C-alpha atoms as a PDB file:
ATOM      1  CA  MET A   1      -2.236  47.465  63.245  1.00  0.00           C
ATOM      2  CA  THR A   2      -1.068  47.919  59.622  1.00  0.00           C
ATOM      3  CA  THR A   3      -3.504  45.849  57.796  1.00  0.00           C
ATOM      4  CA  THR A   4      -4.824  47.159  54.535  1.00  0.00           C
ATOM      5  CA  LEU A   5      -7.602  46.111  52.329  1.00  0.00           C
ATOM      6  CA  PRO A   6      -6.619  44.191  49.195  1.00  0.00           C
ATOM      7  CA  ALA A   7      -7.285  45.773  45.765  1.00  0.00           C
ATOM      8  CA  GLY A   8     -10.601  44.845  44.251  1.00  0.00           C
ATOM      9  CA  VAL A   9     -12.625  44.107  47.347  1.00  0.00           C
ATOM     10  CA  ARG A  10     -16.256  45.526  47.140  1.00  0.00           C
ATOM     11  CA  SER A  11     -18.781  46.255  49.857  1.00  0.00           C
ATOM     12  CA  TYR A  12     -21.746  43.857  49.741  1.00  0.00           C
ATOM     13  CA  LYS A  13     -23.645  44.461  53.098  1.00  0.00           C
ATOM     14  CA  ARG A  14     -23.512  46.099  56.450  1.00  0.00           C
ATOM     15  CA  THR A  15     -24.909  45.536  59.910  1.00  0.00           C
ATOM     16  CA  PRO A  16     -27.417  47.799  61.561  1.00  0.00           C
ATOM     17  CA  THR A  17     -25.915  50.497  63.724  1.00  0.00           C
ATOM     18  CA  PHE A  18     -25.201  49.174  67.223  1.00  0.00           C
ATOM     19  CA  THR A  19     -24.827  51.103  70.484  1.00  0.00           C
ATOM     20  CA  GLU A  20     -23.150  50.025  73.787  1.00  0.00           C
ATOM     21  CA  ALA A  21     -26.630  48.641  74.802  1.00  0.00           C
ATOM     22  CA  THR A  22     -27.454  46.787  71.552  1.00  0.00           C
ATOM     23  CA  THR A  23     -24.161  45.221  70.600  1.00  0.00           C
ATOM     24  CA  PRO A  24     -24.715  41.536  69.978  1.00  0.00           C
ATOM     25  CA  ALA A  25     -22.862  39.277  72.513  1.00  0.00           C
ATOM     26  CA  ALA A  26     -21.208  37.480  69.577  1.00  0.00           C
ATOM     27  CA  LEU A  27     -19.322  40.593  68.568  1.00  0.00           C
ATOM     28  CA  MET A  28     -18.008  41.029  72.165  1.00  0.00           C
ATOM     29  CA  ASN A  29     -16.673  37.542  72.174  1.00  0.00           C
ATOM     30  CA  ASP A  30     -13.905  36.189  69.871  1.00  0.00           C
ATOM     31  CA  HIS A  31     -15.288  35.553  66.400  1.00  0.00           C
ATOM     32  CA  ALA A  32     -14.049  35.714  62.796  1.00  0.00           C
ATOM     33  CA  THR A  33     -15.348  36.335  59.323  1.00  0.00           C
ATOM     34  CA  LYS A  34     -15.350  33.722  56.692  1.00  0.00           C
ATOM     35  CA  GLU A  35     -12.596  33.019  54.168  1.00  0.00           C
ATOM     36  CA  GLY A  36     -12.513  35.944  51.692  1.00  0.00           C
ATOM     37  CA  VAL A  37     -14.705  38.221  53.748  1.00  0.00           C
ATOM     38  CA  TRP A  38     -13.203  41.410  55.085  1.00  0.00           C
ATOM     39  CA  GLY A  39     -14.854  43.949  57.450  1.00  0.00           C
ATOM     40  CA  LEU A  40     -14.561  47.615  58.237  1.00  0.00           C
ATOM     41  CA  ILE A  41     -15.762  48.791  61.707  1.00  0.00           C
ATOM     42  CA  HIS A  42     -17.088  52.267  61.364  1.00  0.00           C
ATOM     43  CA  VAL A  43     -17.634  54.285  64.626  1.00  0.00           C
ATOM     44  CA  GLU A  44     -20.225  57.030  64.230  1.00  0.00           C
ATOM     45  CA  GLU A  45     -20.087  58.311  67.791  1.00  0.00           C
ATOM     46  CA  GLY A  46     -18.024  57.576  70.871  1.00  0.00           C
ATOM     47  CA  ARG A  47     -15.126  55.029  71.094  1.00  0.00           C
ATOM     48  CA  LEU A  48     -14.896  51.303  70.458  1.00  0.00           C
ATOM     49  CA  ARG A  49     -12.012  49.028  71.430  1.00  0.00           C
ATOM     50  CA  TYR A  50     -11.038  46.602  68.691  1.00  0.00           C
ATOM     51  CA  LEU A  51      -8.887  43.591  69.746  1.00  0.00           C
ATOM     52  CA  VAL A  52      -7.270  41.150  67.471  1.00  0.00           C
ATOM     53  CA  THR A  53      -6.976  37.951  69.438  1.00  0.00           C
ATOM     54  CA  ASP A  54      -6.029  35.374  66.861  1.00  0.00           C
ATOM     55  CA  GLU A  55      -2.860  33.322  67.689  1.00  0.00           C
ATOM     56  CA  ARG A  56      -1.814  33.685  64.085  1.00  0.00           C
ATOM     57  CA  ARG A  57      -1.351  37.409  64.607  1.00  0.00           C
ATOM     58  CA  LEU A  58       0.366  39.510  67.303  1.00  0.00           C
ATOM     59  CA  PHE A  59      -2.155  40.568  69.952  1.00  0.00           C
ATOM     60  CA  SER A  60      -3.284  44.192  69.089  1.00  0.00           C
ATOM     61  CA  GLU A  61      -5.736  46.619  70.448  1.00  0.00           C
ATOM     62  CA  ILE A  62      -6.839  49.874  68.967  1.00  0.00           C
ATOM     63  CA  ILE A  63      -9.541  52.454  69.881  1.00  0.00           C
ATOM     64  CA  ILE A  64     -11.715  53.364  66.831  1.00  0.00           C
ATOM     65  CA  THR A  65     -13.352  56.793  66.864  1.00  0.00           C
ATOM     66  CA  PRO A  66     -15.429  58.792  64.306  1.00  0.00           C
ATOM     67  CA  GLU A  67     -12.142  60.696  63.520  1.00  0.00           C
ATOM     68  CA  SER A  68      -9.987  57.623  63.067  1.00  0.00           C
ATOM     69  CA  GLU A  69      -9.763  55.184  60.154  1.00  0.00           C
ATOM     70  CA  PRO A  70     -12.205  52.316  60.307  1.00  0.00           C
ATOM     71  CA  GLY A  71     -10.937  49.118  62.008  1.00  0.00           C
ATOM     72  CA  ILE A  72     -10.003  46.464  59.266  1.00  0.00           C
ATOM     73  CA  VAL A  73     -11.127  42.914  59.874  1.00  0.00           C
ATOM     74  CA  GLU A  74      -9.064  40.238  58.107  1.00  0.00           C
ATOM     75  CA  PRO A  75     -10.829  37.049  56.895  1.00  0.00           C
ATOM     76  CA  THR A  76     -10.760  34.185  59.383  1.00  0.00           C
ATOM     77  CA  ILE A  77      -8.755  36.158  62.008  1.00  0.00           C
ATOM     78  CA  ALA A  78     -10.319  36.051  65.461  1.00  0.00           C
ATOM     79  CA  HIS A  79     -11.221  39.379  67.099  1.00  0.00           C
ATOM     80  CA  ARG A  80     -13.729  41.173  69.232  1.00  0.00           C
ATOM     81  CA  VAL A  81     -14.979  44.649  70.169  1.00  0.00           C
ATOM     82  CA  GLU A  82     -15.703  46.378  73.519  1.00  0.00           C
ATOM     83  CA  ALA A  83     -17.627  49.570  73.910  1.00  0.00           C
ATOM     84  CA  VAL A  84     -15.714  52.361  75.700  1.00  0.00           C
ATOM     85  CA  GLY A  85     -18.696  54.214  77.220  1.00  0.00           C
ATOM     86  CA  ARG A  86     -21.313  55.445  74.764  1.00  0.00           C
ATOM     87  CA  VAL A  87     -20.823  54.269  71.145  1.00  0.00           C
ATOM     88  CA  ARG A  88     -22.676  53.920  67.854  1.00  0.00           C
ATOM     89  CA  PHE A  89     -20.953  51.808  65.202  1.00  0.00           C
ATOM     90  CA  PHE A  90     -21.694  49.325  62.313  1.00  0.00           C
ATOM     91  CA  VAL A  91     -19.626  46.834  60.404  1.00  0.00           C
ATOM     92  CA  GLU A  92     -19.402  46.961  56.667  1.00  0.00           C
ATOM     93  CA  PHE A  93     -18.567  43.590  54.842  1.00  0.00           C
ATOM     94  CA  LEU A  94     -16.425  43.326  51.733  1.00  0.00           C
ATOM     95  CA  ARG A  95     -15.320  40.470  49.454  1.00  0.00           C
END
């Protein structure tokens, strides 16, 4: 996955920190951000699988860890996440 954030986007909110037990079902099913809204998936502990499932993109799957770069969520592009064992993560939204 080689997506990069465009210049000029700014953070405006973030989710609470989720664990494997508290991740909302909506995040584990295909969903997308609105037009103009980007996301950064930050893993604080453990591993999180990030899958881009939108038919407008090639299917991709990465494992995000505290040592890796955050996962980048493109506006309107369908995706989902899956815990890989114990995990703590949050999503930062930018526009």
